C-alpha atoms as a PDB file:
ATOM      1  CA  MET A   1     111.872  76.430 136.151  1.00  0.00           C
ATOM      2  CA  ARG A   2     115.318  77.615 136.980  1.00  0.00           C
ATOM      3  CA  VAL A   3     116.988  74.654 134.980  1.00  0.00           C
ATOM      4  CA  HIS A   4     114.762  75.460 131.936  1.00  0.00           C
ATOM      5  CA  SER A   5     115.751  79.227 132.232  1.00  0.00           C
ATOM      6  CA  LEU A   6     119.490  78.171 132.325  1.00  0.00           C
ATOM      7  CA  ILE A   7     119.187  75.896 129.246  1.00  0.00           C
ATOM      8  CA  LEU A   8     117.304  78.605 127.289  1.00  0.00           C
ATOM      9  CA  THR A   9     119.920  81.291 128.039  1.00  0.00           C
ATOM     10  CA  ALA A  10     122.673  79.041 127.075  1.00  0.00           C
ATOM     11  CA  CYS A  11     120.963  78.628 123.726  1.00  0.00           C
ATOM     12  CA  ILE A  12     120.525  82.288 123.192  1.00  0.00           C
ATOM     13  CA  VAL A  13     124.082  82.971 124.034  1.00  0.00           C
ATOM     14  CA  LEU A  14     125.336  80.432 121.418  1.00  0.00           C
ATOM     15  CA  VAL A  15     123.079  81.835 118.790  1.00  0.00           C
ATOM     16  CA  GLY A  16     123.939  85.352 119.573  1.00  0.00           C
ATOM     17  CA  ALA A  17     127.644  84.622 119.341  1.00  0.00           C
ATOM     18  CA  THR A  18     127.366  83.885 115.633  1.00  0.00           C
ATOM     19  CA  VAL A  19     126.915  87.585 114.978  1.00  0.00           C
ATOM     20  CA  HIS A  20     130.462  88.200 115.954  1.00  0.00           C
ATOM     21  CA  ALA A  21     132.223  84.803 115.097  1.00  0.00           C
ATOM     22  CA  ALA A  22     131.983  81.643 113.092  1.00  0.00           C
ATOM     23  CA  PRO A  23     128.668  80.332 112.195  1.00  0.00           C
ATOM     24  CA  LEU A  24     126.876  77.851 114.287  1.00  0.00           C
ATOM     25  CA  LYS A  25     126.622  74.017 113.307  1.00  0.00           C
ATOM     26  CA  LEU A  26     123.447  72.315 113.522  1.00  0.00           C
ATOM     27  CA  SER A  27     123.198  68.505 113.582  1.00  0.00           C
ATOM     28  CA  VAL A  28     119.944  66.679 113.001  1.00  0.00           C
ATOM     29  CA  SER A  29     119.769  62.956 113.650  1.00  0.00           C
ATOM     30  CA  VAL A  30     117.423  60.028 114.149  1.00  0.00           C
ATOM     31  CA  LYS A  31     117.999  57.660 116.969  1.00  0.00           C
ATOM     32  CA  PRO A  32     116.538  54.313 117.207  1.00  0.00           C
ATOM     33  CA  TRP A  33     117.125  52.136 120.509  1.00  0.00           C
ATOM     34  CA  LEU A  34     116.422  48.449 120.449  1.00  0.00           C
ATOM     35  CA  ALA A  35     116.420  47.397 124.119  1.00  0.00           C
ATOM     36  CA  GLU A  36     114.931  45.365 126.915  1.00  0.00           C
ATOM     37  CA  TRP A  37     113.441  46.453 130.220  1.00  0.00           C
ATOM     38  CA  LYS A  38     113.825  44.416 133.339  1.00  0.00           C
ATOM     39  CA  THR A  39     112.281  45.684 136.761  1.00  0.00           C
ATOM     40  CA  SER A  40     112.855  44.099 140.332  1.00  0.00           C
ATOM     41  CA  SER A  41     111.185  44.595 143.368  1.00  0.00           C
ATOM     42  CA  SER A  42     110.819  42.928 146.807  1.00  0.00           C
ATOM     43  CA  ALA A  43     107.746  41.282 145.246  1.00  0.00           C
ATOM     44  CA  GLY A  44     109.655  39.578 142.360  1.00  0.00           C
ATOM     45  CA  SER A  45     110.875  40.634 138.991  1.00  0.00           C
ATOM     46  CA  PHE A  46     109.904  40.549 135.266  1.00  0.00           C
ATOM     47  CA  GLN A  47     111.444  41.387 131.799  1.00  0.00           C
ATOM     48  CA  SER A  48     109.905  42.723 128.787  1.00  0.00           C
ATOM     49  CA  ARG A  49     110.251  41.472 125.279  1.00  0.00           C
ATOM     50  CA  LEU A  50     112.574  43.334 122.788  1.00  0.00           C
ATOM     51  CA  GLY A  51     111.161  46.845 122.518  1.00  0.00           C
ATOM     52  CA  ALA A  52     112.157  49.945 120.455  1.00  0.00           C
ATOM     53  CA  MET A  53     112.397  53.624 120.925  1.00  0.00           C
ATOM     54  CA  TYR A  54     112.991  56.016 118.305  1.00  0.00           C
ATOM     55  CA  GLY A  55     112.951  59.818 117.669  1.00  0.00           C
ATOM     56  CA  PRO A  56     114.849  63.002 116.543  1.00  0.00           C
ATOM     57  CA  ALA A  57     117.743  64.726 118.036  1.00  0.00           C
ATOM     58  CA  LEU A  58     118.932  68.250 117.537  1.00  0.00           C
ATOM     59  CA  ILE A  59     122.426  69.678 118.581  1.00  0.00           C
ATOM     60  CA  LEU A  60     123.851  73.246 118.103  1.00  0.00           C
ATOM     61  CA  ARG A  61     127.583  73.689 118.217  1.00  0.00           C
ATOM     62  CA  TYR A  62     129.740  76.595 118.549  1.00  0.00           C
ATOM     63  CA  GLY A  63     133.357  76.173 119.249  1.00  0.00           C
ATOM     64  CA  GLY A  64     133.683  73.953 122.422  1.00  0.00           C
ATOM     65  CA  PHE A  65     130.001  74.614 123.410  1.00  0.00           C
ATOM     66  CA  PHE A  66     126.854  72.502 122.514  1.00  0.00           C
ATOM     67  CA  ALA A  67     123.267  72.615 123.323  1.00  0.00           C
ATOM     68  CA  GLY A  68     120.525  70.061 122.176  1.00  0.00           C
ATOM     69  CA  ALA A  69     117.273  68.239 122.645  1.00  0.00           C
ATOM     70  CA  THR A  70     116.330  64.661 122.153  1.00  0.00           C
ATOM     71  CA  TYR A  71     112.807  63.018 121.968  1.00  0.00           C
ATOM     72  CA  LEU A  72     112.539  59.269 121.965  1.00  0.00           C
ATOM     73  CA  ARG A  73     109.191  57.317 122.240  1.00  0.00           C
ATOM     74  CA  GLY A  74     108.610  53.458 122.055  1.00  0.00           C
ATOM     75  CA  ALA A  75     106.987  50.484 123.640  1.00  0.00           C
ATOM     76  CA  PHE A  76     108.179  47.625 125.599  1.00  0.00           C
ATOM     77  CA  PRO A  77     105.749  44.600 125.495  1.00  0.00           C
ATOM     78  CA  VAL A  78     105.598  42.843 128.758  1.00  0.00           C
ATOM     79  CA  PRO A  79     104.277  39.153 128.650  1.00  0.00           C
ATOM     80  CA  LEU A  80     101.614  38.980 131.349  1.00  0.00           C
ATOM     81  CA  SER A  81     102.684  35.338 131.946  1.00  0.00           C
ATOM     82  CA  SER A  82     105.702  36.757 133.937  1.00  0.00           C
ATOM     83  CA  LEU A  83     103.098  38.443 136.336  1.00  0.00           C
ATOM     84  CA  THR A  84      99.957  36.330 135.986  1.00  0.00           C
ATOM     85  CA  VAL A  85     100.155  32.590 135.617  1.00  0.00           C
ATOM     86  CA  GLY A  86      98.572  31.093 132.576  1.00  0.00           C
ATOM     87  CA  SER A  87      98.234  34.394 130.706  1.00  0.00           C
ATOM     88  CA  THR A  88      99.257  34.501 127.124  1.00  0.00           C
ATOM     89  CA  GLN A  89      98.761  38.349 126.488  1.00  0.00           C
ATOM     90  CA  ASP A  90     101.149  41.199 126.794  1.00  0.00           C
ATOM     91  CA  ALA A  91     100.913  44.416 128.698  1.00  0.00           C
ATOM     92  CA  ASP A  92     101.089  47.570 126.593  1.00  0.00           C
ATOM     93  CA  THR A  93     104.130  49.606 128.164  1.00  0.00           C
ATOM     94  CA  MET A  94     104.918  52.944 126.582  1.00  0.00           C
ATOM     95  CA  ARG A  95     107.993  55.178 127.429  1.00  0.00           C
ATOM     96  CA  ILE A  96     108.589  58.694 126.279  1.00  0.00           C
ATOM     97  CA  ASP A  97     111.987  60.471 126.953  1.00  0.00           C
ATOM     98  CA  THR A  98     112.765  64.304 126.592  1.00  0.00           C
ATOM     99  CA  ASP A  99     116.402  65.316 127.338  1.00  0.00           C
ATOM    100  CA  LEU A 100     117.576  68.928 127.255  1.00  0.00           C
ATOM    101  CA  THR A 101     121.270  69.010 127.107  1.00  0.00           C
ATOM    102  CA  VAL A 102     124.060  71.508 127.343  1.00  0.00           C
ATOM    103  CA  GLY A 103     127.833  70.784 127.331  1.00  0.00           C
ATOM    104  CA  TYR A 104     131.612  71.839 126.789  1.00  0.00           C
ATOM    105  CA  TYR A 105     134.303  70.053 124.954  1.00  0.00           C
ATOM    106  CA  LEU A 106     137.557  70.624 127.130  1.00  0.00           C
ATOM    107  CA  ASN A 107     139.528  69.326 124.063  1.00  0.00           C
ATOM    108  CA  PRO A 108     138.784  67.519 120.869  1.00  0.00           C
ATOM    109  CA  TYR A 109     138.466  64.274 122.560  1.00  0.00           C
ATOM    110  CA  PHE A 110     136.727  64.880 126.046  1.00  0.00           C
ATOM    111  CA  GLY A 111     134.013  67.012 127.428  1.00  0.00           C
ATOM    112  CA  LEU A 112     131.401  67.461 130.120  1.00  0.00           C
ATOM    113  CA  VAL A 113     127.673  67.385 129.657  1.00  0.00           C
ATOM    114  CA  GLY A 114     124.749  68.080 131.738  1.00  0.00           C
ATOM    115  CA  GLY A 115     120.952  68.859 131.536  1.00  0.00           C
ATOM    116  CA  TYR A 116     117.418  68.004 132.483  1.00  0.00           C
ATOM    117  CA  LYS A 117     115.515  64.787 131.778  1.00  0.00           C
ATOM    118  CA  TYR A 118     111.716  63.876 131.481  1.00  0.00           C
ATOM    119  CA  ILE A 119     110.540  60.170 131.464  1.00  0.00           C
ATOM    120  CA  ASP A 120     106.834  59.336 131.119  1.00  0.00           C
ATOM    121  CA  PHE A 121     105.913  55.685 131.587  1.00  0.00           C
ATOM    122  CA  THR A 122     102.592  54.002 131.145  1.00  0.00           C
ATOM    123  CA  ILE A 123     101.581  50.523 131.448  1.00  0.00           C
ATOM    124  CA  SER A 124      98.147  49.438 130.122  1.00  0.00           C
ATOM    125  CA  PHE A 125      96.728  45.995 130.608  1.00  0.00           C
ATOM    126  CA  PRO A 126      94.241  44.176 128.445  1.00  0.00           C
ATOM    127  CA  PRO A 127      90.634  43.874 129.029  1.00  0.00           C
ATOM    128  CA  GLY A 128      89.744  41.326 131.780  1.00  0.00           C
ATOM    129  CA  SER A 129      93.166  41.638 133.448  1.00  0.00           C
ATOM    130  CA  PRO A 130      92.746  42.156 137.148  1.00  0.00           C
ATOM    131  CA  ALA A 131      95.637  44.814 137.168  1.00  0.00           C
ATOM    132  CA  GLN A 132      95.089  48.479 137.018  1.00  0.00           C
ATOM    133  CA  GLU A 133      96.652  50.970 134.637  1.00  0.00           C
ATOM    134  CA  GLN A 134      99.903  52.466 135.850  1.00  0.00           C
ATOM    135  CA  THR A 135     101.437  55.902 135.085  1.00  0.00           C
ATOM    136  CA  GLN A 136     104.751  57.285 136.082  1.00  0.00           C
ATOM    137  CA  ARG A 137     106.472  60.784 135.634  1.00  0.00           C
ATOM    138  CA  MET A 138     110.186  60.988 136.261  1.00  0.00           C
ATOM    139  CA  GLU A 139     112.117  64.331 136.141  1.00  0.00           C
ATOM    140  CA  GLY A 140     115.354  65.861 137.182  1.00  0.00           C
ATOM    141  CA  PRO A 141     118.972  66.819 136.247  1.00  0.00           C
ATOM    142  CA  PHE A 142     121.716  64.747 135.035  1.00  0.00           C
ATOM    143  CA  GLY A 143     125.522  65.208 134.500  1.00  0.00           C
ATOM    144  CA  GLY A 144     128.409  63.329 133.246  1.00  0.00           C
ATOM    145  CA  ILE A 145     131.380  63.061 130.750  1.00  0.00           C
ATOM    146  CA  LEU A 146     131.723  62.143 127.064  1.00  0.00           C
ATOM    147  CA  ALA A 147     134.725  61.160 124.942  1.00  0.00           C
ATOM    148  CA  SER A 148     135.703  60.124 121.493  1.00  0.00           C
ATOM    149  CA  TYR A 149     138.824  59.155 119.590  1.00  0.00           C
ATOM    150  CA  PRO A 150     139.331  58.893 115.787  1.00  0.00           C
ATOM    151  CA  LEU A 151     140.828  55.869 114.417  1.00  0.00           C
ATOM    152  CA  GLY A 152     143.437  57.215 112.261  1.00  0.00           C
ATOM    153  CA  ARG A 153     142.240  58.840 108.872  1.00  0.00           C
ATOM    154  CA  THR A 154     139.716  56.005 108.210  1.00  0.00           C
ATOM    155  CA  GLY A 155     136.690  58.122 109.102  1.00  0.00           C
ATOM    156  CA  PHE A 156     135.753  55.813 112.133  1.00  0.00           C
ATOM    157  CA  ALA A 157     135.848  57.049 115.796  1.00  0.00           C
ATOM    158  CA  THR A 158     135.113  55.268 119.173  1.00  0.00           C
ATOM    159  CA  TYR A 159     132.829  57.240 121.439  1.00  0.00           C
ATOM    160  CA  GLY A 160     131.580  56.747 124.840  1.00  0.00           C
ATOM    161  CA  THR A 161     129.397  58.758 127.576  1.00  0.00           C
ATOM    162  CA  PHE A 162     128.683  58.276 131.272  1.00  0.00           C
ATOM    163  CA  THR A 163     125.880  60.186 133.027  1.00  0.00           C
ATOM    164  CA  TYR A 164     124.249  60.128 136.390  1.00  0.00           C
ATOM    165  CA  SER A 165     120.477  61.160 136.811  1.00  0.00           C
ATOM    166  CA  GLY A 166     118.818  62.340 139.938  1.00  0.00           C
ATOM    167  CA  LEU A 167     115.174  62.214 139.210  1.00  0.00           C
ATOM    168  CA  THR A 168     112.023  62.431 141.213  1.00  0.00           C
ATOM    169  CA  ARG A 169     109.215  59.898 140.315  1.00  0.00           C
ATOM    170  CA  ARG A 170     105.539  60.266 140.779  1.00  0.00           C
ATOM    171  CA  SER A 171     103.638  57.229 140.325  1.00  0.00           C
ATOM    172  CA  LYS A 172      99.800  56.514 139.983  1.00  0.00           C
ATOM    173  CA  VAL A 173      98.203  52.969 140.075  1.00  0.00           C
ATOM    174  CA  GLY A 174      94.654  53.310 139.813  1.00  0.00           C
ATOM    175  CA  THR A 175      93.516  55.993 142.299  1.00  0.00           C
ATOM    176  CA  ILE A 176      96.582  55.403 144.515  1.00  0.00           C
ATOM    177  CA  GLU A 177      99.564  58.045 144.079  1.00  0.00           C
ATOM    178  CA  SER A 178     103.043  57.782 145.376  1.00  0.00           C
ATOM    179  CA  GLN A 179     106.370  59.593 145.152  1.00  0.00           C
ATOM    180  CA  GLY A 180     109.988  58.522 145.221  1.00  0.00           C
ATOM    181  CA  ASP A 181     113.374  59.129 143.873  1.00  0.00           C
ATOM    182  CA  PHE A 182     114.608  57.655 140.495  1.00  0.00           C
ATOM    183  CA  GLN A 183     118.467  57.692 140.453  1.00  0.00           C
ATOM    184  CA  GLY A 184     121.282  55.814 138.544  1.00  0.00           C
ATOM    185  CA  PRO A 185     123.726  55.634 135.668  1.00  0.00           C
ATOM    186  CA  SER A 186     123.510  55.678 131.943  1.00  0.00           C
ATOM    187  CA  ILE A 187     126.394  54.353 129.905  1.00  0.00           C
ATOM    188  CA  GLU A 188     126.773  54.492 126.104  1.00  0.00           C
ATOM    189  CA  VAL A 189     129.716  53.087 124.102  1.00  0.00           C
ATOM    190  CA  GLY A 190     130.142  52.707 120.201  1.00  0.00           C
ATOM    191  CA  LEU A 191     131.600  53.254 116.882  1.00  0.00           C
ATOM    192  CA  ALA A 192     130.856  56.032 114.510  1.00  0.00           C
ATOM    193  CA  TYR A 193     131.768  56.573 110.876  1.00  0.00           C
ATOM    194  CA  ARG A 194     131.812  59.928 109.048  1.00  0.00           C
ATOM    195  CA  VAL A 195     131.119  59.473 105.197  1.00  0.00           C
ATOM    196  CA  PRO A 196     133.955  61.119 103.311  1.00  0.00           C
ATOM    197  CA  LYS A 197     133.229  64.390 101.624  1.00  0.00           C
ATOM    198  CA  SER A 198     129.794  64.220 103.228  1.00  0.00           C
ATOM    199  CA  ALA A 199     127.836  65.664 106.118  1.00  0.00           C
ATOM    200  CA  LEU A 200     126.568  62.276 107.012  1.00  0.00           C
ATOM    201  CA  THR A 201     127.660  60.124 110.086  1.00  0.00           C
ATOM    202  CA  PHE A 202     126.485  56.921 111.108  1.00  0.00           C
ATOM    203  CA  ALA A 203     126.860  55.438 114.504  1.00  0.00           C
ATOM    204  CA  GLU A 204     126.076  52.194 116.494  1.00  0.00           C
ATOM    205  CA  GLY A 205     126.572  51.433 120.037  1.00  0.00           C
ATOM    206  CA  TYR A 206     125.326  49.812 123.103  1.00  0.00           C
ATOM    207  CA  LYS A 207     123.380  51.603 125.952  1.00  0.00           C
ATOM    208  CA  PHE A 208     122.868  50.570 129.447  1.00  0.00           C
ATOM    209  CA  GLN A 209     120.592  52.518 131.800  1.00  0.00           C
ATOM    210  CA  ARG A 210     119.673  51.645 135.397  1.00  0.00           C
ATOM    211  CA  PHE A 211     117.495  53.511 137.882  1.00  0.00           C
ATOM    212  CA  VAL A 212     116.943  52.674 141.556  1.00  0.00           C
ATOM    213  CA  ASP A 213     114.028  53.891 143.556  1.00  0.00           C
ATOM    214  CA  ARG A 214     115.238  53.612 147.253  1.00  0.00           C
ATOM    215  CA  THR A 215     111.891  54.670 148.572  1.00  0.00           C
ATOM    216  CA  ALA A 216     109.860  51.909 146.756  1.00  0.00           C
ATOM    217  CA  GLN A 217     112.894  49.544 146.792  1.00  0.00           C
ATOM    218  CA  THR A 218     112.667  48.928 143.119  1.00  0.00           C
ATOM    219  CA  SER A 219     115.141  49.080 140.175  1.00  0.00           C
ATOM    220  CA  ASP A 220     114.546  49.320 136.492  1.00  0.00           C
ATOM    221  CA  THR A 221     117.250  48.492 133.935  1.00  0.00           C
ATOM    222  CA  PHE A 222     117.086  49.171 130.187  1.00  0.00           C
ATOM    223  CA  GLN A 223     119.778  47.911 127.818  1.00  0.00           C
ATOM    224  CA  GLY A 224     120.270  47.205 124.144  1.00  0.00           C
ATOM    225  CA  LEU A 225     121.679  48.436 120.772  1.00  0.00           C
ATOM    226  CA  LEU A 226     121.664  52.108 119.817  1.00  0.00           C
ATOM    227  CA  PHE A 227     121.838  53.478 116.268  1.00  0.00           C
ATOM    228  CA  ASN A 228     122.138  57.049 115.017  1.00  0.00           C
ATOM    229  CA  MET A 229     122.153  58.756 111.535  1.00  0.00           C
ATOM    230  CA  ALA A 230     123.048  62.469 111.599  1.00  0.00           C
ATOM    231  CA  TYR A 231     123.442  65.164 109.218  1.00  0.00           C
ATOM    232  CA  THR A 232     125.302  68.307 109.924  1.00  0.00           C
ATOM    233  CA  PHE A 233     124.642  71.712 108.287  1.00  0.00           C
END
């Protein structure tokens, strides 16, 4: 709750500042992420087929300060042949991400970012499968750095972000519940293009995300192409 209050306070301060200074800038974007998921444990490992997450993102900017929220939802189909010999069906794996973010640009090219992350994960198996439905809820803070650099006056710019998350994971398999940590880095690099005389920006990059649960001795890796189309008011 304390983290939520800090984020809300930051947003209120940013909005209130527009009364005495330049207006706030609002960016609205859509972010599809095409990725694969691989999980490893002492019992073995398996990898999903190509999945897709997508959803909206909002960012408020005032001077060097910014605050925002991102919501992504998608599925990662997992072939049961990697879990059960002879199976030709897929498990239905749903992931939902919600990020609340605040940050500050130290200069036009480099900034600091932090916030709070929620991840909801559900694995459902087809009828007749001996496996039980699994649900996981991860939440906690993250922090890191971001950078961008324009390529002359072409409208193109390179960008990159690095963050590290320290999340708590609560899992439920059937009626059995457990708890552990869920920590690791998230790295994104790519190329953005601002359309001349327009408020539109397009970006394409690659995102790598890895979480390790030391309690359960498992690791989960997500990686793939990330796209972004943003409009700034």
